[in-house]
């Protein structure tokens, strides 16, 4: 198949395919007219690339999966080098989740802290949280409607 058909079948662009080729992740053969030619194995590789990119993997992280497919495995996940990339990515994600939980805790604490700039309900001395009009119903935290 030619580059346009492969791009369409993989829901990407010919430009992206040429970029993957320049990075050594996709290899094209040339037909007798000099056009790039691809087969079903290339479509499998391209789908692996796109799936991993959608999950946040960088192109260099994807290389072991492509190499695994080129080695004849039915899945890019079948090789030890791919499993190692998954382990590193999982550790990266765990660290990011930890950072985000820390930020979330800090923000939640800021919301719970009394602040002299926040109006207080004279009856409960609880902060009044005013929601902009049109953004849904008032909450049960002392909102005034």
N, C-alpha and C. Protein backbone atom coordinates (compact mmCIF):
# COMPACT_ATOMS: atom_id res chain seq x y z
N UNK A 1 0.85 -1.17 0.00
CA UNK A 1 0.00 0.00 0.00
C UNK A 1 0.89 1.23 0.00
N UNK A 2 0.36 2.32 -0.51
CA UNK A 2 1.11 3.57 -0.57
C UNK A 2 0.93 4.36 0.72
N UNK A 3 1.70 5.42 0.86
CA UNK A 3 1.74 6.20 2.09
C UNK A 3 0.37 6.78 2.47
N UNK A 4 -0.39 7.25 1.49
CA UNK A 4 -1.70 7.83 1.79
C UNK A 4 -2.66 6.81 2.36
N UNK A 5 -2.65 5.61 1.79
CA UNK A 5 -3.55 4.55 2.28
C UNK A 5 -3.15 4.12 3.70
N UNK A 6 -1.85 3.96 3.92
CA UNK A 6 -1.39 3.58 5.26
C UNK A 6 -1.76 4.66 6.28
N UNK A 7 -1.56 5.91 5.93
CA UNK A 7 -1.91 7.01 6.83
C UNK A 7 -3.40 6.99 7.14
N UNK A 8 -4.21 6.78 6.13
CA UNK A 8 -5.66 6.75 6.34
C UNK A 8 -6.07 5.58 7.24
N UNK A 9 -5.51 4.42 6.97
CA UNK A 9 -5.87 3.24 7.77
C UNK A 9 -5.43 3.37 9.22
N UNK A 10 -4.38 4.15 9.46
CA UNK A 10 -3.88 4.32 10.83
C UNK A 10 -4.35 5.63 11.45
N UNK A 11 -5.23 6.34 10.77
CA UNK A 11 -5.78 7.62 11.25
C UNK A 11 -4.67 8.62 11.58
N UNK A 12 -3.75 8.78 10.66
CA UNK A 12 -2.67 9.75 10.82
C UNK A 12 -2.42 10.42 9.47
N UNK A 13 -1.30 11.07 9.32
CA UNK A 13 -1.00 11.79 8.09
C UNK A 13 0.25 11.23 7.41
N UNK A 14 0.36 11.42 6.11
CA UNK A 14 1.61 11.02 5.44
C UNK A 14 2.83 11.74 6.03
N UNK A 15 2.63 12.97 6.44
CA UNK A 15 3.73 13.72 7.05
C UNK A 15 4.24 13.02 8.31
N UNK A 16 3.33 12.53 9.14
CA UNK A 16 3.72 11.81 10.35
C UNK A 16 4.49 10.54 9.98
N UNK A 17 4.04 9.85 8.93
CA UNK A 17 4.73 8.63 8.51
C UNK A 17 6.15 8.94 8.05
N UNK A 18 6.32 10.02 7.30
CA UNK A 18 7.67 10.40 6.86
C UNK A 18 8.54 10.76 8.07
N UNK A 19 7.93 11.39 9.07
CA UNK A 19 8.68 11.72 10.29
C UNK A 19 9.11 10.44 11.01
N UNK A 20 8.20 9.49 11.18
CA UNK A 20 8.56 8.22 11.83
C UNK A 20 9.66 7.52 11.04
N UNK A 21 9.59 7.62 9.73
CA UNK A 21 10.62 7.02 8.88
C UNK A 21 11.96 7.72 9.13
N UNK A 22 11.96 9.05 9.21
CA UNK A 22 13.21 9.78 9.45
C UNK A 22 13.81 9.44 10.81
N UNK A 23 12.98 9.05 11.76
CA UNK A 23 13.44 8.66 13.10
C UNK A 23 13.80 7.18 13.18
N UNK A 24 13.62 6.45 12.09
CA UNK A 24 13.99 5.04 12.06
C UNK A 24 12.97 4.10 12.66
N UNK A 25 11.76 4.59 12.94
CA UNK A 25 10.73 3.74 13.52
C UNK A 25 9.90 3.02 12.46
N UNK A 26 9.84 3.57 11.30
CA UNK A 26 9.07 2.99 10.20
C UNK A 26 10.00 2.95 8.99
N UNK A 27 9.94 1.87 8.26
CA UNK A 27 10.79 1.79 7.08
C UNK A 27 9.93 1.50 5.85
N UNK A 28 10.16 2.27 4.83
CA UNK A 28 9.40 2.11 3.59
C UNK A 28 10.27 1.46 2.54
N UNK A 29 9.64 0.64 1.75
CA UNK A 29 10.29 0.12 0.57
C UNK A 29 9.85 0.99 -0.59
N UNK A 30 10.51 0.94 -1.70
CA UNK A 30 10.12 1.72 -2.87
C UNK A 30 9.65 0.78 -3.97
N UNK A 31 8.53 1.14 -4.59
CA UNK A 31 8.04 0.32 -5.70
C UNK A 31 8.78 0.71 -6.97
N UNK A 32 8.43 0.10 -8.09
CA UNK A 32 9.14 0.33 -9.35
C UNK A 32 9.04 1.77 -9.83
N UNK A 33 8.02 2.49 -9.36
CA UNK A 33 7.86 3.90 -9.73
C UNK A 33 8.54 4.84 -8.74
N UNK A 34 9.11 4.29 -7.70
CA UNK A 34 9.80 5.10 -6.70
C UNK A 34 8.92 5.55 -5.54
N UNK A 35 7.66 5.13 -5.54
CA UNK A 35 6.76 5.49 -4.44
C UNK A 35 7.03 4.63 -3.22
N UNK A 36 6.80 5.20 -2.05
CA UNK A 36 6.92 4.43 -0.82
C UNK A 36 5.86 3.32 -0.84
N UNK A 37 6.26 2.15 -0.34
CA UNK A 37 5.36 1.02 -0.30
C UNK A 37 5.41 0.39 1.09
N UNK A 38 4.23 0.06 1.61
CA UNK A 38 4.11 -0.50 2.96
C UNK A 38 3.26 -1.76 2.91
N UNK A 39 3.35 -2.57 3.97
CA UNK A 39 2.52 -3.77 4.05
C UNK A 39 1.80 -3.80 5.41
N UNK A 40 1.13 -4.90 5.68
CA UNK A 40 0.36 -5.03 6.93
C UNK A 40 1.25 -4.98 8.17
N UNK A 41 2.47 -5.47 8.06
CA UNK A 41 3.40 -5.41 9.20
C UNK A 41 3.70 -3.96 9.55
N UNK A 42 3.81 -3.11 8.53
CA UNK A 42 4.04 -1.69 8.79
C UNK A 42 2.83 -1.05 9.47
N UNK A 43 1.65 -1.49 9.09
CA UNK A 43 0.43 -0.99 9.74
C UNK A 43 0.42 -1.39 11.22
N UNK A 44 0.82 -2.60 11.52
CA UNK A 44 0.90 -3.06 12.92
C UNK A 44 1.89 -2.22 13.70
N UNK A 45 3.05 -1.95 13.12
CA UNK A 45 4.06 -1.11 13.77
C UNK A 45 3.51 0.29 14.00
N UNK A 46 2.87 0.84 12.99
CA UNK A 46 2.32 2.18 13.10
C UNK A 46 1.24 2.26 14.18
N UNK A 47 0.41 1.26 14.26
CA UNK A 47 -0.63 1.25 15.30
C UNK A 47 0.01 1.18 16.69
N UNK A 48 1.09 0.41 16.82
CA UNK A 48 1.81 0.32 18.10
C UNK A 48 2.38 1.70 18.46
N UNK A 49 2.99 2.36 17.49
CA UNK A 49 3.56 3.69 17.72
C UNK A 49 2.47 4.65 18.18
N UNK A 50 1.37 4.70 17.46
CA UNK A 50 0.28 5.64 17.77
C UNK A 50 -0.34 5.35 19.14
N UNK A 51 -0.54 4.08 19.46
CA UNK A 51 -1.12 3.72 20.75
C UNK A 51 -0.22 4.18 21.90
N UNK A 52 1.06 3.91 21.78
CA UNK A 52 1.98 4.30 22.84
C UNK A 52 2.12 5.82 22.93
N UNK A 53 2.12 6.50 21.79
CA UNK A 53 2.16 7.96 21.84
C UNK A 53 0.92 8.51 22.54
N UNK A 54 -0.24 7.94 22.24
CA UNK A 54 -1.48 8.38 22.89
C UNK A 54 -1.42 8.19 24.40
N UNK A 55 -0.60 7.24 24.85
CA UNK A 55 -0.45 6.98 26.29
C UNK A 55 0.70 7.78 26.90
N UNK A 56 1.31 8.67 26.12
CA UNK A 56 2.33 9.55 26.65
C UNK A 56 3.76 9.09 26.50
N UNK A 57 4.00 8.06 25.72
CA UNK A 57 5.36 7.58 25.50
C UNK A 57 6.05 8.44 24.45
N UNK A 58 7.33 8.74 24.68
CA UNK A 58 8.15 9.46 23.71
C UNK A 58 8.61 8.48 22.64
N UNK A 59 9.00 9.01 21.48
CA UNK A 59 9.39 8.13 20.37
C UNK A 59 10.56 7.22 20.74
N UNK A 60 11.53 7.72 21.48
CA UNK A 60 12.66 6.87 21.84
C UNK A 60 12.23 5.75 22.80
N UNK A 61 11.21 6.00 23.60
CA UNK A 61 10.69 4.95 24.48
C UNK A 61 9.96 3.88 23.67
N UNK A 62 9.47 4.26 22.51
CA UNK A 62 8.69 3.35 21.67
C UNK A 62 9.58 2.42 20.86
N UNK A 63 10.80 2.81 20.64
CA UNK A 63 11.72 2.04 19.79
C UNK A 63 11.80 0.55 20.16
N UNK A 64 11.91 0.16 21.45
CA UNK A 64 11.98 -1.27 21.77
C UNK A 64 10.74 -2.06 21.33
N UNK A 65 9.58 -1.42 21.35
CA UNK A 65 8.35 -2.09 20.92
C UNK A 65 8.39 -2.34 19.41
N UNK A 66 8.88 -1.36 18.67
CA UNK A 66 9.01 -1.49 17.21
C UNK A 66 10.03 -2.58 16.89
N UNK A 67 11.16 -2.56 17.59
CA UNK A 67 12.19 -3.58 17.38
C UNK A 67 11.64 -4.98 17.66
N UNK A 68 10.81 -5.08 18.68
CA UNK A 68 10.20 -6.36 19.04
C UNK A 68 9.31 -6.87 17.91
N UNK A 69 8.50 -5.97 17.36
CA UNK A 69 7.64 -6.36 16.23
C UNK A 69 8.48 -6.75 15.01
N UNK A 70 9.50 -5.98 14.74
CA UNK A 70 10.38 -6.29 13.59
C UNK A 70 11.09 -7.62 13.76
N UNK A 71 11.29 -8.04 15.01
CA UNK A 71 11.95 -9.32 15.28
C UNK A 71 11.01 -10.50 15.07
N UNK A 72 9.75 -10.20 14.71
CA UNK A 72 8.82 -11.27 14.40
C UNK A 72 7.80 -11.58 15.48
N UNK A 73 7.81 -10.86 16.57
CA UNK A 73 6.83 -11.10 17.63
C UNK A 73 5.47 -10.56 17.19
N UNK A 74 4.41 -11.17 17.69
CA UNK A 74 3.07 -10.74 17.31
C UNK A 74 2.65 -9.46 18.01
N UNK A 75 3.32 -9.13 19.11
CA UNK A 75 3.02 -7.91 19.86
C UNK A 75 4.33 -7.24 20.25
N UNK A 76 4.32 -5.93 20.26
CA UNK A 76 5.49 -5.19 20.70
C UNK A 76 5.74 -5.33 22.19
N UNK A 77 4.77 -5.89 22.90
CA UNK A 77 4.88 -6.08 24.35
C UNK A 77 5.63 -7.36 24.73
N UNK A 78 5.93 -8.20 23.75
CA UNK A 78 6.45 -9.54 24.02
C UNK A 78 7.92 -9.61 24.42
N UNK A 79 8.65 -8.52 24.32
CA UNK A 79 10.10 -8.56 24.57
C UNK A 79 10.45 -7.98 25.93
N UNK A 80 11.55 -8.44 26.49
CA UNK A 80 12.00 -7.96 27.79
C UNK A 80 12.30 -6.46 27.76
N UNK A 81 12.81 -5.97 26.65
CA UNK A 81 13.13 -4.53 26.56
C UNK A 81 11.86 -3.68 26.62
N UNK A 82 10.76 -4.20 26.10
CA UNK A 82 9.48 -3.50 26.17
C UNK A 82 8.97 -3.48 27.61
N UNK A 83 9.09 -4.60 28.29
CA UNK A 83 8.66 -4.68 29.68
C UNK A 83 9.46 -3.70 30.54
N UNK A 84 10.72 -3.52 30.23
CA UNK A 84 11.56 -2.57 30.98
C UNK A 84 11.07 -1.14 30.76
N UNK A 85 10.67 -0.81 29.54
CA UNK A 85 10.13 0.52 29.26
C UNK A 85 8.84 0.72 30.05
N UNK A 86 7.98 -0.31 30.08
CA UNK A 86 6.75 -0.22 30.87
C UNK A 86 7.06 0.03 32.34
N UNK A 87 8.08 -0.65 32.89
CA UNK A 87 8.43 -0.47 34.30
C UNK A 87 8.89 0.96 34.57
N UNK A 88 9.73 1.49 33.67
CA UNK A 88 10.20 2.87 33.85
C UNK A 88 9.05 3.86 33.75
N UNK A 89 8.14 3.64 32.80
CA UNK A 89 7.01 4.55 32.62
C UNK A 89 6.08 4.47 33.84
N UNK A 90 5.87 3.28 34.37
CA UNK A 90 5.04 3.12 35.55
C UNK A 90 5.64 3.86 36.75
N UNK A 91 6.95 3.77 36.93
CA UNK A 91 7.62 4.50 38.01
C UNK A 91 7.48 6.01 37.81
N UNK A 92 7.60 6.45 36.57
CA UNK A 92 7.41 7.86 36.24
C UNK A 92 6.00 8.33 36.60
N UNK A 93 5.02 7.53 36.22
CA UNK A 93 3.62 7.87 36.51
C UNK A 93 3.35 7.88 38.01
N UNK A 94 3.91 6.91 38.73
CA UNK A 94 3.73 6.87 40.18
C UNK A 94 4.30 8.14 40.82
N UNK A 95 5.47 8.59 40.34
CA UNK A 95 6.07 9.82 40.87
C UNK A 95 5.19 11.03 40.57
N UNK A 96 4.66 11.09 39.37
CA UNK A 96 3.76 12.20 39.01
C UNK A 96 2.49 12.19 39.83
N UNK A 97 1.94 11.01 40.03
CA UNK A 97 0.73 10.90 40.86
C UNK A 97 1.03 11.38 42.27
N UNK A 98 2.18 11.01 42.81
CA UNK A 98 2.58 11.47 44.14
C UNK A 98 2.69 12.99 44.20
N UNK A 99 3.29 13.58 43.17
CA UNK A 99 3.40 15.04 43.12
C UNK A 99 2.02 15.68 43.05
N UNK A 100 1.16 15.14 42.22
CA UNK A 100 -0.19 15.70 42.08
C UNK A 100 -0.98 15.56 43.37
N UNK A 101 -0.82 14.44 44.07
CA UNK A 101 -1.52 14.28 45.35
C UNK A 101 -1.02 15.30 46.36
N UNK A 102 0.28 15.59 46.33
CA UNK A 102 0.83 16.61 47.21
C UNK A 102 0.26 17.99 46.90
N UNK A 103 0.19 18.33 45.63
CA UNK A 103 -0.39 19.62 45.23
C UNK A 103 -1.85 19.68 45.61
N UNK A 104 -2.56 18.59 45.39
CA UNK A 104 -3.99 18.54 45.74
C UNK A 104 -4.18 18.77 47.24
N UNK A 105 -3.37 18.11 48.04
CA UNK A 105 -3.45 18.28 49.49
C UNK A 105 -3.18 19.71 49.91
N UNK A 106 -2.18 20.33 49.28
CA UNK A 106 -1.85 21.72 49.59
C UNK A 106 -3.02 22.64 49.26
N UNK A 107 -3.63 22.44 48.07
CA UNK A 107 -4.76 23.26 47.66
C UNK A 107 -5.95 23.04 48.59
N UNK A 108 -6.23 21.79 48.95
CA UNK A 108 -7.34 21.49 49.84
C UNK A 108 -7.12 22.16 51.20
N UNK A 109 -5.88 22.15 51.67
CA UNK A 109 -5.57 22.80 52.95
C UNK A 109 -5.79 24.30 52.86
N UNK A 110 -5.43 24.89 51.73
CA UNK A 110 -5.65 26.33 51.54
C UNK A 110 -7.14 26.66 51.58
N UNK A 111 -7.95 25.80 51.03
CA UNK A 111 -9.39 26.03 51.06
C UNK A 111 -9.97 25.89 52.46
N UNK A 112 -9.35 25.05 53.28
CA UNK A 112 -9.83 24.84 54.64
C UNK A 112 -9.33 25.89 55.62
N UNK A 113 -8.27 26.64 55.26
CA UNK A 113 -7.72 27.65 56.14
C UNK A 113 -8.63 28.87 56.19
N UNK A 114 -8.85 29.39 57.40
CA UNK A 114 -9.60 30.65 57.47
C UNK A 114 -8.75 31.78 56.88
N UNK A 115 -9.38 32.65 56.13
CA UNK A 115 -8.68 33.76 55.52
C UNK A 115 -9.44 35.04 55.79
N UNK A 116 -8.75 36.09 56.20
CA UNK A 116 -9.45 37.34 56.48
C UNK A 116 -10.08 37.95 55.23
N UNK A 117 -9.63 37.55 54.04
CA UNK A 117 -10.17 38.11 52.80
C UNK A 117 -11.46 37.43 52.35
N UNK A 118 -11.79 36.28 52.95
CA UNK A 118 -12.98 35.53 52.56
C UNK A 118 -14.14 35.98 53.44
N UNK A 119 -15.27 36.41 52.85
CA UNK A 119 -16.41 36.82 53.68
C UNK A 119 -16.88 35.66 54.56
N UNK A 120 -17.32 35.98 55.76
CA UNK A 120 -17.78 34.95 56.69
C UNK A 120 -19.27 35.13 56.92
N UNK A 121 -19.92 34.03 57.12
CA UNK A 121 -21.35 34.05 57.46
C UNK A 121 -21.45 34.49 58.92
N UNK A 122 -22.19 35.53 59.19
CA UNK A 122 -22.25 36.04 60.55
C UNK A 122 -22.91 35.07 61.53
N UNK A 123 -23.66 34.11 61.03
CA UNK A 123 -24.33 33.17 61.92
C UNK A 123 -23.47 31.95 62.24
N UNK A 124 -22.67 31.51 61.28
CA UNK A 124 -21.91 30.29 61.50
C UNK A 124 -20.41 30.53 61.60
N UNK A 125 -19.95 31.69 61.23
CA UNK A 125 -18.54 32.02 61.14
C UNK A 125 -17.79 31.13 60.16
N UNK A 126 -18.54 30.49 59.28
CA UNK A 126 -17.93 29.66 58.24
C UNK A 126 -17.71 30.53 57.00
N UNK A 127 -16.66 30.23 56.24
CA UNK A 127 -16.43 31.01 55.02
C UNK A 127 -17.61 30.86 54.06
N UNK A 128 -17.91 31.91 53.36
CA UNK A 128 -18.97 31.89 52.35
C UNK A 128 -18.30 31.70 51.00
N UNK A 129 -18.67 30.68 50.28
CA UNK A 129 -18.12 30.42 48.96
C UNK A 129 -19.15 30.83 47.92
N UNK A 130 -18.89 31.91 47.23
CA UNK A 130 -19.82 32.40 46.22
C UNK A 130 -19.46 31.80 44.87
N UNK A 131 -20.41 31.16 44.24
CA UNK A 131 -20.22 30.58 42.91
C UNK A 131 -20.73 31.58 41.88
N UNK A 132 -20.05 31.71 40.74
CA UNK A 132 -20.56 32.58 39.69
C UNK A 132 -21.92 32.09 39.22
N UNK A 133 -22.80 33.01 38.85
CA UNK A 133 -24.13 32.66 38.36
C UNK A 133 -24.02 31.78 37.12
N UNK A 134 -24.94 30.83 36.99
CA UNK A 134 -25.00 29.98 35.81
C UNK A 134 -24.06 28.80 35.84
N UNK A 135 -23.41 28.55 36.94
CA UNK A 135 -22.48 27.43 37.00
C UNK A 135 -23.02 26.29 37.82
N UNK A 136 -24.29 26.20 37.97
CA UNK A 136 -24.87 25.07 38.71
C UNK A 136 -25.47 25.54 40.02
N UNK A 137 -26.01 24.60 40.73
CA UNK A 137 -26.68 24.90 42.00
C UNK A 137 -25.66 25.20 43.08
N UNK A 138 -26.10 25.96 44.09
CA UNK A 138 -25.23 26.28 45.21
C UNK A 138 -24.97 25.02 46.02
N UNK A 139 -23.77 24.97 46.61
CA UNK A 139 -23.44 23.80 47.42
C UNK A 139 -23.97 24.01 48.84
N UNK A 140 -23.69 23.05 49.68
CA UNK A 140 -24.15 23.14 51.05
C UNK A 140 -23.08 23.77 51.95
N UNK A 141 -22.15 24.54 51.41
CA UNK A 141 -21.08 25.13 52.21
C UNK A 141 -21.36 26.60 52.52
N UNK A 142 -22.61 26.97 52.67
CA UNK A 142 -22.92 28.33 53.06
C UNK A 142 -23.07 29.26 51.88
N UNK A 143 -23.25 28.74 50.68
CA UNK A 143 -23.43 29.59 49.51
C UNK A 143 -24.72 30.36 49.62
N UNK A 144 -24.71 31.56 49.15
CA UNK A 144 -25.88 32.41 49.15
C UNK A 144 -26.42 32.46 47.75
N UNK A 145 -27.69 32.20 47.56
CA UNK A 145 -28.29 32.22 46.23
C UNK A 145 -29.13 33.46 46.06
